């Protein structure tokens, strides 16, 4: 039963999966994600940090256990005794034939579901821009003392003065609020845009590396209601983007196996844009898949929840 005054949520089951059907998918997913999660956990236990491999776990504040757990998505019932383990999660409930993700919990996210879907659709509707050259990481260390930079264990390829000179030559054209907000105070007025959380749906564009990485954030936000394979695809995409993000940064990661993409040169900028275009193309496919999946979830949220849900920031 639903809470007083609200409709109970009833899903039309898309599928009922036997243990023989879903257990191999769950195992394949866990093995895929373990290749990313286990090295991260090993480093964390030893007190080490990796600026590329650990970023998605640290920056998005998501438990390493979260991407590892396989989910079939909303409206799918898992059968068999092995499915009972999912009832340990508050997000699942027992139904005839097995267990499924609890749609009451999905309904509570109606506002966020609407806002994220709007952001993704708006981002995908505009043409990508390729004029930033990854200089956001440079703007994050502009005019800082060496002991103030974020990755103090990594040397600046051009030193502090050389890094500052690249920022001053510009141009700074960052459109992403979650990159822009880390600019140093001296770098902020040099940016061509003033992104805010409120302007994000109007300003975010699909050529932005951070917008591409955020596909993982938005997919993971609706765990366990999206298929785990989609979430993992977004994670893999974000992981590849982060590598370019740091290769194009002012830091020297060559010792970690990431040769620089020297965006202070014409050749480096051309290489950055070439790879940026590739990520924009693959990101467009993922974004389309994610929007379609969110549309399915939206269709499952009852009208009373959708109308009464408090708007949430994307």
C-alpha atoms as a PDB file:
ATOM      1  CA  UNK A   1       0.000   0.000   0.000  1.00  0.00           C
ATOM      2  CA  UNK A   2       1.138   3.565  -0.645  1.00  0.00           C
ATOM      3  CA  UNK A   3       1.329   6.221   2.013  1.00  0.00           C
ATOM      4  CA  UNK A   4      -1.977   7.914   2.959  1.00  0.00           C
ATOM      5  CA  UNK A   5      -3.125  10.391   0.369  1.00  0.00           C
ATOM      6  CA  UNK A   6      -0.841   9.074  -2.363  1.00  0.00           C
ATOM      7  CA  UNK A   7      -1.317   6.439  -5.000  1.00  0.00           C
ATOM      8  CA  UNK A   8       0.619   3.238  -4.659  1.00  0.00           C
ATOM      9  CA  UNK A   9       2.983   2.672  -7.541  1.00  0.00           C
ATOM     10  CA  UNK A  10       2.224  -0.289  -9.745  1.00  0.00           C
ATOM     11  CA  UNK A  11       4.575  -1.174 -12.603  1.00  0.00           C
ATOM     12  CA  UNK A  12       3.743  -3.239 -15.602  1.00  0.00           C
ATOM     13  CA  UNK A  13       6.473  -5.852 -15.544  1.00  0.00           C
ATOM     14  CA  UNK A  14       8.644  -5.676 -18.637  1.00  0.00           C
ATOM     15  CA  UNK A  15      10.146  -9.113 -18.070  1.00  0.00           C
ATOM     16  CA  UNK A  16      10.613 -11.881 -15.567  1.00  0.00           C
ATOM     17  CA  UNK A  17      14.144 -13.227 -15.674  1.00  0.00           C
ATOM     18  CA  UNK A  18      14.985 -16.682 -14.414  1.00  0.00           C
ATOM     19  CA  UNK A  19      18.204 -17.180 -12.472  1.00  0.00           C
ATOM     20  CA  UNK A  20      19.658 -18.908 -15.536  1.00  0.00           C
ATOM     21  CA  UNK A  21      19.005 -15.721 -17.516  1.00  0.00           C
ATOM     22  CA  UNK A  22      20.127 -12.999 -15.131  1.00  0.00           C
ATOM     23  CA  UNK A  23      22.988 -14.575 -13.163  1.00  0.00           C
ATOM     24  CA  UNK A  24      25.370 -14.709 -16.188  1.00  0.00           C
ATOM     25  CA  UNK A  25      24.624 -11.050 -16.912  1.00  0.00           C
ATOM     26  CA  UNK A  26      25.303 -10.123 -13.301  1.00  0.00           C
ATOM     27  CA  UNK A  27      28.591 -12.047 -13.286  1.00  0.00           C
ATOM     28  CA  UNK A  28      29.762 -10.508 -16.566  1.00  0.00           C
ATOM     29  CA  UNK A  29      28.960  -7.044 -15.251  1.00  0.00           C
ATOM     30  CA  UNK A  30      30.806  -7.616 -11.976  1.00  0.00           C
ATOM     31  CA  UNK A  31      33.876  -8.894 -13.794  1.00  0.00           C
ATOM     32  CA  UNK A  32      33.860  -5.889 -16.104  1.00  0.00           C
ATOM     33  CA  UNK A  33      33.570  -3.366 -13.280  1.00  0.00           C
ATOM     34  CA  UNK A  34      36.007  -5.177 -11.005  1.00  0.00           C
ATOM     35  CA  UNK A  35      38.777  -4.274 -13.423  1.00  0.00           C
ATOM     36  CA  UNK A  36      38.157  -0.635 -12.426  1.00  0.00           C
ATOM     37  CA  UNK A  37      37.106  -1.028  -8.812  1.00  0.00           C
ATOM     38  CA  UNK A  38      39.690  -3.409  -7.386  1.00  0.00           C
ATOM     39  CA  UNK A  39      42.779  -1.329  -8.284  1.00  0.00           C
ATOM     40  CA  UNK A  40      41.034   1.715  -6.809  1.00  0.00           C
ATOM     41  CA  UNK A  41      40.338  -0.116  -3.545  1.00  0.00           C
ATOM     42  CA  UNK A  42      43.913  -1.427  -3.421  1.00  0.00           C
ATOM     43  CA  UNK A  43      45.270   2.107  -3.776  1.00  0.00           C
ATOM     44  CA  UNK A  44      42.877   3.435  -1.179  1.00  0.00           C
ATOM     45  CA  UNK A  45      43.995   0.814   1.340  1.00  0.00           C
ATOM     46  CA  UNK A  46      47.636   1.712   0.737  1.00  0.00           C
ATOM     47  CA  UNK A  47      47.007   5.459   0.893  1.00  0.00           C
ATOM     48  CA  UNK A  48      47.851   6.049  -2.753  1.00  0.00           C
ATOM     49  CA  UNK A  49      45.939   8.226  -5.216  1.00  0.00           C
ATOM     50  CA  UNK A  50      45.764   8.160  -9.010  1.00  0.00           C
ATOM     51  CA  UNK A  51      44.621  11.370 -10.760  1.00  0.00           C
ATOM     52  CA  UNK A  52      42.988   9.464 -13.618  1.00  0.00           C
ATOM     53  CA  UNK A  53      41.902   6.066 -12.325  1.00  0.00           C
ATOM     54  CA  UNK A  54      40.480   7.299  -8.997  1.00  0.00           C
ATOM     55  CA  UNK A  55      38.804  10.469 -10.239  1.00  0.00           C
ATOM     56  CA  UNK A  56      35.335   9.103 -10.963  1.00  0.00           C
ATOM     57  CA  UNK A  57      35.076   7.540  -7.520  1.00  0.00           C
ATOM     58  CA  UNK A  58      36.369  10.591  -5.658  1.00  0.00           C
ATOM     59  CA  UNK A  59      34.830  13.441  -7.631  1.00  0.00           C
ATOM     60  CA  UNK A  60      31.324  12.003  -7.888  1.00  0.00           C
ATOM     61  CA  UNK A  61      31.344  10.732  -4.291  1.00  0.00           C
ATOM     62  CA  UNK A  62      29.925   7.364  -5.308  1.00  0.00           C
ATOM     63  CA  UNK A  63      30.753   4.184  -3.436  1.00  0.00           C
ATOM     64  CA  UNK A  64      32.907   1.734  -5.432  1.00  0.00           C
ATOM     65  CA  UNK A  65      30.299  -0.895  -4.565  1.00  0.00           C
ATOM     66  CA  UNK A  66      27.639   1.056  -6.442  1.00  0.00           C
ATOM     67  CA  UNK A  67      28.815   0.484 -10.041  1.00  0.00           C
ATOM     68  CA  UNK A  68      29.743  -3.121  -9.231  1.00  0.00           C
ATOM     69  CA  UNK A  69      26.212  -4.193  -8.251  1.00  0.00           C
ATOM     70  CA  UNK A  70      24.256  -5.415 -11.266  1.00  0.00           C
ATOM     71  CA  UNK A  71      20.634  -4.285 -11.732  1.00  0.00           C
ATOM     72  CA  UNK A  72      18.246  -5.197 -14.542  1.00  0.00           C
ATOM     73  CA  UNK A  73      16.379  -1.881 -14.434  1.00  0.00           C
ATOM     74  CA  UNK A  74      12.866  -0.898 -13.442  1.00  0.00           C
ATOM     75  CA  UNK A  75       9.985  -3.243 -14.178  1.00  0.00           C
ATOM     76  CA  UNK A  76      12.099  -6.386 -14.381  1.00  0.00           C
ATOM     77  CA  UNK A  77      11.499  -9.181 -11.863  1.00  0.00           C
ATOM     78  CA  UNK A  78      14.431 -11.370 -10.849  1.00  0.00           C
ATOM     79  CA  UNK A  79      13.468 -14.936 -10.031  1.00  0.00           C
ATOM     80  CA  UNK A  80      15.310 -17.635  -8.133  1.00  0.00           C
ATOM     81  CA  UNK A  81      16.701 -17.955  -4.611  1.00  0.00           C
ATOM     82  CA  UNK A  82      19.775 -15.904  -5.528  1.00  0.00           C
ATOM     83  CA  UNK A  83      17.531 -12.871  -6.038  1.00  0.00           C
ATOM     84  CA  UNK A  84      16.693 -12.829  -2.327  1.00  0.00           C
ATOM     85  CA  UNK A  85      20.005 -11.046  -1.696  1.00  0.00           C
ATOM     86  CA  UNK A  86      18.582  -7.953  -3.404  1.00  0.00           C
ATOM     87  CA  UNK A  87      16.064  -7.578  -0.588  1.00  0.00           C
ATOM     88  CA  UNK A  88      18.974  -6.494   1.612  1.00  0.00           C
ATOM     89  CA  UNK A  89      18.855  -3.282  -0.407  1.00  0.00           C
ATOM     90  CA  UNK A  90      16.144  -0.806   0.606  1.00  0.00           C
ATOM     91  CA  UNK A  91      15.561  -0.119  -3.071  1.00  0.00           C
ATOM     92  CA  UNK A  92      14.078  -3.572  -3.789  1.00  0.00           C
ATOM     93  CA  UNK A  93      10.784  -5.236  -2.873  1.00  0.00           C
ATOM     94  CA  UNK A  94       9.277  -8.701  -3.085  1.00  0.00           C
ATOM     95  CA  UNK A  95       6.649  -9.284  -5.781  1.00  0.00           C
ATOM     96  CA  UNK A  96       4.950 -12.410  -7.142  1.00  0.00           C
ATOM     97  CA  UNK A  97       7.612 -14.469  -8.857  1.00  0.00           C
ATOM     98  CA  UNK A  98      10.661 -12.791  -7.357  1.00  0.00           C
ATOM     99  CA  UNK A  99      12.016  -9.333  -6.509  1.00  0.00           C
ATOM    100  CA  UNK A 100      12.155  -6.016  -8.357  1.00  0.00           C
ATOM    101  CA  UNK A 101      13.397  -2.475  -7.866  1.00  0.00           C
ATOM    102  CA  UNK A 102      10.824  -0.689  -5.715  1.00  0.00           C
ATOM    103  CA  UNK A 103       8.948   1.847  -7.897  1.00  0.00           C
ATOM    104  CA  UNK A 104       7.863   3.816  -4.829  1.00  0.00           C
ATOM    105  CA  UNK A 105      11.466   4.913  -4.474  1.00  0.00           C
ATOM    106  CA  UNK A 106      11.613   5.869  -8.124  1.00  0.00           C
ATOM    107  CA  UNK A 107       8.496   8.013  -7.706  1.00  0.00           C
ATOM    108  CA  UNK A 108      10.207  10.016  -4.976  1.00  0.00           C
ATOM    109  CA  UNK A 109      12.771  11.138  -7.576  1.00  0.00           C
ATOM    110  CA  UNK A 110      10.171  12.546  -9.979  1.00  0.00           C
ATOM    111  CA  UNK A 111      11.538  16.085  -9.725  1.00  0.00           C
ATOM    112  CA  UNK A 112      15.116  15.077 -10.302  1.00  0.00           C
ATOM    113  CA  UNK A 113      14.123  12.733 -13.097  1.00  0.00           C
ATOM    114  CA  UNK A 114      12.431  15.605 -14.900  1.00  0.00           C
ATOM    115  CA  UNK A 115      15.342  18.002 -14.360  1.00  0.00           C
ATOM    116  CA  UNK A 116      18.070  15.591 -15.466  1.00  0.00           C
ATOM    117  CA  UNK A 117      16.115  14.549 -18.538  1.00  0.00           C
ATOM    118  CA  UNK A 118      15.674  18.216 -19.448  1.00  0.00           C
ATOM    119  CA  UNK A 119      19.400  18.898 -19.020  1.00  0.00           C
ATOM    120  CA  UNK A 120      20.471  15.934 -21.132  1.00  0.00           C
ATOM    121  CA  UNK A 121      17.998  16.686 -23.905  1.00  0.00           C
ATOM    122  CA  UNK A 122      19.011  20.350 -23.985  1.00  0.00           C
ATOM    123  CA  UNK A 123      22.713  19.480 -24.097  1.00  0.00           C
ATOM    124  CA  UNK A 124      22.179  17.041 -26.947  1.00  0.00           C
ATOM    125  CA  UNK A 125      20.091  19.526 -28.933  1.00  0.00           C
ATOM    126  CA  UNK A 126      22.887  22.020 -29.547  1.00  0.00           C
ATOM    127  CA  UNK A 127      26.018  21.675 -31.662  1.00  0.00           C
ATOM    128  CA  UNK A 128      29.261  20.780 -29.905  1.00  0.00           C
ATOM    129  CA  UNK A 129      31.881  23.453 -29.375  1.00  0.00           C
ATOM    130  CA  UNK A 130      35.574  22.659 -29.715  1.00  0.00           C
ATOM    131  CA  UNK A 131      37.274  25.908 -28.767  1.00  0.00           C
ATOM    132  CA  UNK A 132      38.132  25.365 -25.098  1.00  0.00           C
ATOM    133  CA  UNK A 133      41.248  23.199 -25.677  1.00  0.00           C
ATOM    134  CA  UNK A 134      40.992  21.766 -22.171  1.00  0.00           C
ATOM    135  CA  UNK A 135      42.308  24.916 -20.531  1.00  0.00           C
ATOM    136  CA  UNK A 136      40.000  24.553 -17.538  1.00  0.00           C
ATOM    137  CA  UNK A 137      42.671  22.515 -15.706  1.00  0.00           C
ATOM    138  CA  UNK A 138      45.169  25.277 -16.383  1.00  0.00           C
ATOM    139  CA  UNK A 139      42.764  27.883 -15.015  1.00  0.00           C
ATOM    140  CA  UNK A 140      42.506  25.845 -11.802  1.00  0.00           C
ATOM    141  CA  UNK A 141      46.185  26.487 -11.002  1.00  0.00           C
ATOM    142  CA  UNK A 142      46.546  29.993 -12.443  1.00  0.00           C
ATOM    143  CA  UNK A 143      48.732  32.205 -10.228  1.00  0.00           C
ATOM    144  CA  UNK A 144      48.794  29.635  -7.431  1.00  0.00           C
ATOM    145  CA  UNK A 145      51.869  28.870  -5.386  1.00  0.00           C
ATOM    146  CA  UNK A 146      53.258  25.378  -6.113  1.00  0.00           C
ATOM    147  CA  UNK A 147      52.045  24.069  -2.741  1.00  0.00           C
ATOM    148  CA  UNK A 148      48.485  25.213  -3.495  1.00  0.00           C
ATOM    149  CA  UNK A 149      47.823  23.204  -6.674  1.00  0.00           C
ATOM    150  CA  UNK A 150      45.365  20.292  -6.504  1.00  0.00           C
ATOM    151  CA  UNK A 151      47.776  17.560  -7.638  1.00  0.00           C
ATOM    152  CA  UNK A 152      50.843  18.528  -5.666  1.00  0.00           C
ATOM    153  CA  UNK A 153      52.514  15.192  -6.324  1.00  0.00           C
ATOM    154  CA  UNK A 154      52.648  15.879 -10.053  1.00  0.00           C
ATOM    155  CA  UNK A 155      55.020  18.413 -11.633  1.00  0.00           C
ATOM    156  CA  UNK A 156      53.744  21.170 -13.894  1.00  0.00           C
ATOM    157  CA  UNK A 157      55.169  20.520 -17.357  1.00  0.00           C
ATOM    158  CA  UNK A 158      55.883  24.195 -18.011  1.00  0.00           C
ATOM    159  CA  UNK A 159      56.413  25.278 -14.422  1.00  0.00           C
ATOM    160  CA  UNK A 160      54.260  27.885 -12.693  1.00  0.00           C
ATOM    161  CA  UNK A 161      55.271  30.828 -14.887  1.00  0.00           C
ATOM    162  CA  UNK A 162      54.850  28.874 -18.116  1.00  0.00           C
ATOM    163  CA  UNK A 163      51.457  27.573 -17.004  1.00  0.00           C
ATOM    164  CA  UNK A 164      50.277  31.087 -16.139  1.00  0.00           C
ATOM    165  CA  UNK A 165      51.424  32.331 -19.544  1.00  0.00           C
ATOM    166  CA  UNK A 166      49.255  29.740 -21.342  1.00  0.00           C
ATOM    167  CA  UNK A 167      46.200  30.911 -19.384  1.00  0.00           C
ATOM    168  CA  UNK A 168      46.972  34.539 -20.201  1.00  0.00           C
ATOM    169  CA  UNK A 169      47.272  33.704 -23.897  1.00  0.00           C
ATOM    170  CA  UNK A 170      43.920  31.948 -23.665  1.00  0.00           C
ATOM    171  CA  UNK A 171      41.280  31.722 -24.708  1.00  0.00           C
ATOM    172  CA  UNK A 172      39.266  30.447 -21.719  1.00  0.00           C
ATOM    173  CA  UNK A 173      35.872  29.258 -22.991  1.00  0.00           C
ATOM    174  CA  UNK A 174      34.640  26.887 -20.293  1.00  0.00           C
ATOM    175  CA  UNK A 175      30.867  26.283 -20.329  1.00  0.00           C
ATOM    176  CA  UNK A 176      30.641  23.738 -17.510  1.00  0.00           C
ATOM    177  CA  UNK A 177      29.779  24.913 -14.011  1.00  0.00           C
ATOM    178  CA  UNK A 178      31.566  22.037 -12.268  1.00  0.00           C
ATOM    179  CA  UNK A 179      34.832  22.873 -14.007  1.00  0.00           C
ATOM    180  CA  UNK A 180      34.424  26.644 -13.851  1.00  0.00           C
ATOM    181  CA  UNK A 181      33.753  26.663 -10.116  1.00  0.00           C
ATOM    182  CA  UNK A 182      37.296  25.387  -9.504  1.00  0.00           C
ATOM    183  CA  UNK A 183      38.938  28.247 -11.422  1.00  0.00           C
ATOM    184  CA  UNK A 184      41.227  30.377  -9.289  1.00  0.00           C
ATOM    185  CA  UNK A 185      39.846  33.838  -8.466  1.00  0.00           C
ATOM    186  CA  UNK A 186      42.351  35.357 -10.883  1.00  0.00           C
ATOM    187  CA  UNK A 187      41.265  33.050 -13.730  1.00  0.00           C
ATOM    188  CA  UNK A 188      37.500  33.467 -13.315  1.00  0.00           C
ATOM    189  CA  UNK A 189      37.175  36.889 -15.020  1.00  0.00           C
ATOM    190  CA  UNK A 190      39.232  35.627 -17.960  1.00  0.00           C
ATOM    191  CA  UNK A 191      36.554  33.084 -18.929  1.00  0.00           C
ATOM    192  CA  UNK A 192      34.213  33.973 -21.794  1.00  0.00           C
ATOM    193  CA  UNK A 193      31.219  32.478 -19.925  1.00  0.00           C
ATOM    194  CA  UNK A 194      29.790  32.717 -16.419  1.00  0.00           C
ATOM    195  CA  UNK A 195      28.199  29.290 -15.983  1.00  0.00           C
ATOM    196  CA  UNK A 196      25.925  28.775 -12.986  1.00  0.00           C
ATOM    197  CA  UNK A 197      23.820  25.876 -11.797  1.00  0.00           C
ATOM    198  CA  UNK A 198      20.703  27.727 -12.952  1.00  0.00           C
ATOM    199  CA  UNK A 199      22.107  28.346 -16.449  1.00  0.00           C
ATOM    200  CA  UNK A 200      23.380  24.787 -16.896  1.00  0.00           C
ATOM    201  CA  UNK A 201      20.490  23.577 -19.127  1.00  0.00           C
ATOM    202  CA  UNK A 202      20.935  26.625 -21.369  1.00  0.00           C
ATOM    203  CA  UNK A 203      24.745  26.593 -21.530  1.00  0.00           C
ATOM    204  CA  UNK A 204      25.965  23.004 -21.398  1.00  0.00           C
ATOM    205  CA  UNK A 205      27.132  21.658 -24.756  1.00  0.00           C
ATOM    206  CA  UNK A 206      28.058  18.167 -25.961  1.00  0.00           C
ATOM    207  CA  UNK A 207      31.657  18.939 -26.932  1.00  0.00           C
ATOM    208  CA  UNK A 208      32.531  19.566 -23.270  1.00  0.00           C
ATOM    209  CA  UNK A 209      34.593  16.771 -21.707  1.00  0.00           C
ATOM    210  CA  UNK A 210      32.980  17.305 -18.314  1.00  0.00           C
ATOM    211  CA  UNK A 211      29.500  17.066 -19.798  1.00  0.00           C
ATOM    212  CA  UNK A 212      30.568  13.741 -21.265  1.00  0.00           C
ATOM    213  CA  UNK A 213      31.911  12.487 -17.942  1.00  0.00           C
ATOM    214  CA  UNK A 214      28.715  13.591 -16.221  1.00  0.00           C
ATOM    215  CA  UNK A 215      26.744  11.028 -18.213  1.00  0.00           C
ATOM    216  CA  UNK A 216      28.004   8.560 -15.626  1.00  0.00           C
ATOM    217  CA  UNK A 217      26.858  10.793 -12.773  1.00  0.00           C
ATOM    218  CA  UNK A 218      23.346  11.074 -14.194  1.00  0.00           C
ATOM    219  CA  UNK A 219      23.098   7.364 -14.955  1.00  0.00           C
ATOM    220  CA  UNK A 220      24.309   6.405 -11.487  1.00  0.00           C
ATOM    221  CA  UNK A 221      21.840   8.844  -9.918  1.00  0.00           C
ATOM    222  CA  UNK A 222      18.971   6.559 -10.930  1.00  0.00           C
ATOM    223  CA  UNK A 223      20.512   3.316  -9.746  1.00  0.00           C
ATOM    224  CA  UNK A 224      18.942   0.729  -9.459  1.00  0.00           C
ATOM    225  CA  UNK A 225      16.263   1.749 -11.958  1.00  0.00           C
ATOM    226  CA  UNK A 226      18.510   1.812 -15.028  1.00  0.00           C
ATOM    227  CA  UNK A 227      20.170  -1.301 -16.460  1.00  0.00           C
ATOM    228  CA  UNK A 228      23.625  -1.731 -14.967  1.00  0.00           C
ATOM    229  CA  UNK A 229      25.137  -2.249 -18.405  1.00  0.00           C
ATOM    230  CA  UNK A 230      24.117   1.297 -19.409  1.00  0.00           C
ATOM    231  CA  UNK A 231      25.605   2.736 -16.224  1.00  0.00           C
ATOM    232  CA  UNK A 232      28.837   0.806 -16.825  1.00  0.00           C
ATOM    233  CA  UNK A 233      29.005   2.036 -20.427  1.00  0.00           C
ATOM    234  CA  UNK A 234      28.760   5.610 -19.115  1.00  0.00           C
ATOM    235  CA  UNK A 235      31.496   4.854 -16.560  1.00  0.00           C
ATOM    236  CA  UNK A 236      33.813   3.467 -19.252  1.00  0.00           C
ATOM    237  CA  UNK A 237      33.168   6.545 -21.405  1.00  0.00           C
ATOM    238  CA  UNK A 238      33.909   8.899 -18.507  1.00  0.00           C
ATOM    239  CA  UNK A 239      37.077   7.006 -17.645  1.00  0.00           C
ATOM    240  CA  UNK A 240      38.454   7.467 -21.166  1.00  0.00           C
ATOM    241  CA  UNK A 241      37.536  11.142 -21.133  1.00  0.00           C
ATOM    242  CA  UNK A 242      39.326  11.675 -17.835  1.00  0.00           C
ATOM    243  CA  UNK A 243      42.529  10.360 -19.397  1.00  0.00           C
ATOM    244  CA  UNK A 244      42.428  13.073 -22.084  1.00  0.00           C
ATOM    245  CA  UNK A 245      41.375  15.637 -19.482  1.00  0.00           C
ATOM    246  CA  UNK A 246      44.597  15.053 -17.576  1.00  0.00           C
ATOM    247  CA  UNK A 247      46.805  14.527 -20.616  1.00  0.00           C
ATOM    248  CA  UNK A 248      45.779  18.002 -21.766  1.00  0.00           C
ATOM    249  CA  UNK A 249      46.292  19.472 -18.299  1.00  0.00           C
ATOM    250  CA  UNK A 250      49.401  21.374 -17.196  1.00  0.00           C
ATOM    251  CA  UNK A 251      50.528  18.354 -15.151  1.00  0.00           C
ATOM    252  CA  UNK A 252      53.110  15.831 -16.330  1.00  0.00           C
ATOM    253  CA  UNK A 253      51.587  12.335 -16.101  1.00  0.00           C
ATOM    254  CA  UNK A 254      54.080  10.626 -18.414  1.00  0.00           C
ATOM    255  CA  UNK A 255      55.477   8.575 -15.529  1.00  0.00           C
ATOM    256  CA  UNK A 256      51.962   7.144 -15.029  1.00  0.00           C
ATOM    257  CA  UNK A 257      51.687   6.138 -18.678  1.00  0.00           C
ATOM    258  CA  UNK A 258      49.772   9.185 -19.926  1.00  0.00           C
ATOM    259  CA  UNK A 259      51.877  11.169 -22.405  1.00  0.00           C
ATOM    260  CA  UNK A 260      50.923  14.832 -22.624  1.00  0.00           C
ATOM    261  CA  UNK A 261      48.662  16.373 -25.210  1.00  0.00           C
ATOM    262  CA  UNK A 262      50.433  19.768 -25.273  1.00  0.00           C
ATOM    263  CA  UNK A 263      47.536  22.148 -25.845  1.00  0.00           C
ATOM    264  CA  UNK A 264      49.940  25.079 -25.582  1.00  0.00           C
ATOM    265  CA  UNK A 265      50.972  24.160 -29.154  1.00  0.00           C
ATOM    266  CA  UNK A 266      49.035  24.116 -32.408  1.00  0.00           C
ATOM    267  CA  UNK A 267      49.745  20.414 -32.833  1.00  0.00           C
ATOM    268  CA  UNK A 268      48.542  19.618 -29.326  1.00  0.00           C
ATOM    269  CA  UNK A 269      45.342  21.603 -29.807  1.00  0.00           C
ATOM    270  CA  UNK A 270      44.643  19.765 -33.045  1.00  0.00           C
ATOM    271  CA  UNK A 271      45.110  16.432 -31.275  1.00  0.00           C
ATOM    272  CA  UNK A 272      42.858  17.538 -28.431  1.00  0.00           C
ATOM    273  CA  UNK A 273      40.082  18.573 -30.800  1.00  0.00           C
ATOM    274  CA  UNK A 274      40.384  15.342 -32.775  1.00  0.00           C
ATOM    275  CA  UNK A 275      39.853  13.264 -29.645  1.00  0.00           C
ATOM    276  CA  UNK A 276      37.251  15.679 -28.327  1.00  0.00           C
ATOM    277  CA  UNK A 277      35.199  15.151 -31.485  1.00  0.00           C
ATOM    278  CA  UNK A 278      35.376  11.400 -30.978  1.00  0.00           C
ATOM    279  CA  UNK A 279      34.096  11.711 -27.418  1.00  0.00           C
ATOM    280  CA  UNK A 280      31.321  14.034 -28.537  1.00  0.00           C
ATOM    281  CA  UNK A 281      30.195  11.429 -31.088  1.00  0.00           C
ATOM    282  CA  UNK A 282      30.284   8.487 -28.665  1.00  0.00           C
ATOM    283  CA  UNK A 283      28.751  10.659 -25.961  1.00  0.00           C
ATOM    284  CA  UNK A 284      25.842  11.522 -28.258  1.00  0.00           C
ATOM    285  CA  UNK A 285      25.031   7.820 -28.583  1.00  0.00           C
ATOM    286  CA  UNK A 286      25.182   7.320 -24.820  1.00  0.00           C
ATOM    287  CA  UNK A 287      23.149  10.458 -24.159  1.00  0.00           C
ATOM    288  CA  UNK A 288      20.433   9.250 -26.541  1.00  0.00           C
ATOM    289  CA  UNK A 289      20.349   5.883 -24.777  1.00  0.00           C
ATOM    290  CA  UNK A 290      20.193   7.567 -21.399  1.00  0.00           C
ATOM    291  CA  UNK A 291      17.402   9.956 -22.371  1.00  0.00           C
ATOM    292  CA  UNK A 292      15.394   7.048 -23.775  1.00  0.00           C
ATOM    293  CA  UNK A 293      15.903   5.111 -20.543  1.00  0.00           C
ATOM    294  CA  UNK A 294      14.837   8.118 -18.467  1.00  0.00           C
ATOM    295  CA  UNK A 295      11.738   8.466 -20.635  1.00  0.00           C
ATOM    296  CA  UNK A 296      10.834   4.899 -19.715  1.00  0.00           C
ATOM    297  CA  UNK A 297      11.262   5.753 -16.042  1.00  0.00           C
ATOM    298  CA  UNK A 298       9.184   8.903 -16.451  1.00  0.00           C
ATOM    299  CA  UNK A 299       6.354   6.824 -17.870  1.00  0.00           C
ATOM    300  CA  UNK A 300       6.410   4.746 -14.683  1.00  0.00           C
ATOM    301  CA  UNK A 301       6.053   7.674 -12.279  1.00  0.00           C
ATOM    302  CA  UNK A 302       2.360   8.187 -11.361  1.00  0.00           C
ATOM    303  CA  UNK A 303       0.757  11.541 -12.049  1.00  0.00           C
ATOM    304  CA  UNK A 304       0.325  12.502  -8.401  1.00  0.00           C
ATOM    305  CA  UNK A 305       4.047  12.099  -7.751  1.00  0.00           C
ATOM    306  CA  UNK A 306       5.080  13.864 -10.954  1.00  0.00           C
ATOM    307  CA  UNK A 307       2.863  16.864 -10.218  1.00  0.00           C
ATOM    308  CA  UNK A 308       3.668  17.123  -6.533  1.00  0.00           C
ATOM    309  CA  UNK A 309       7.397  16.403  -6.756  1.00  0.00           C
ATOM    310  CA  UNK A 310       9.506  19.351  -5.644  1.00  0.00           C
ATOM    311  CA  UNK A 311      11.843  20.555  -8.403  1.00  0.00           C
ATOM    312  CA  UNK A 312      15.416  19.495  -7.804  1.00  0.00           C
ATOM    313  CA  UNK A 313      18.628  20.884  -9.189  1.00  0.00           C
ATOM    314  CA  UNK A 314      20.200  18.763 -11.887  1.00  0.00           C
END
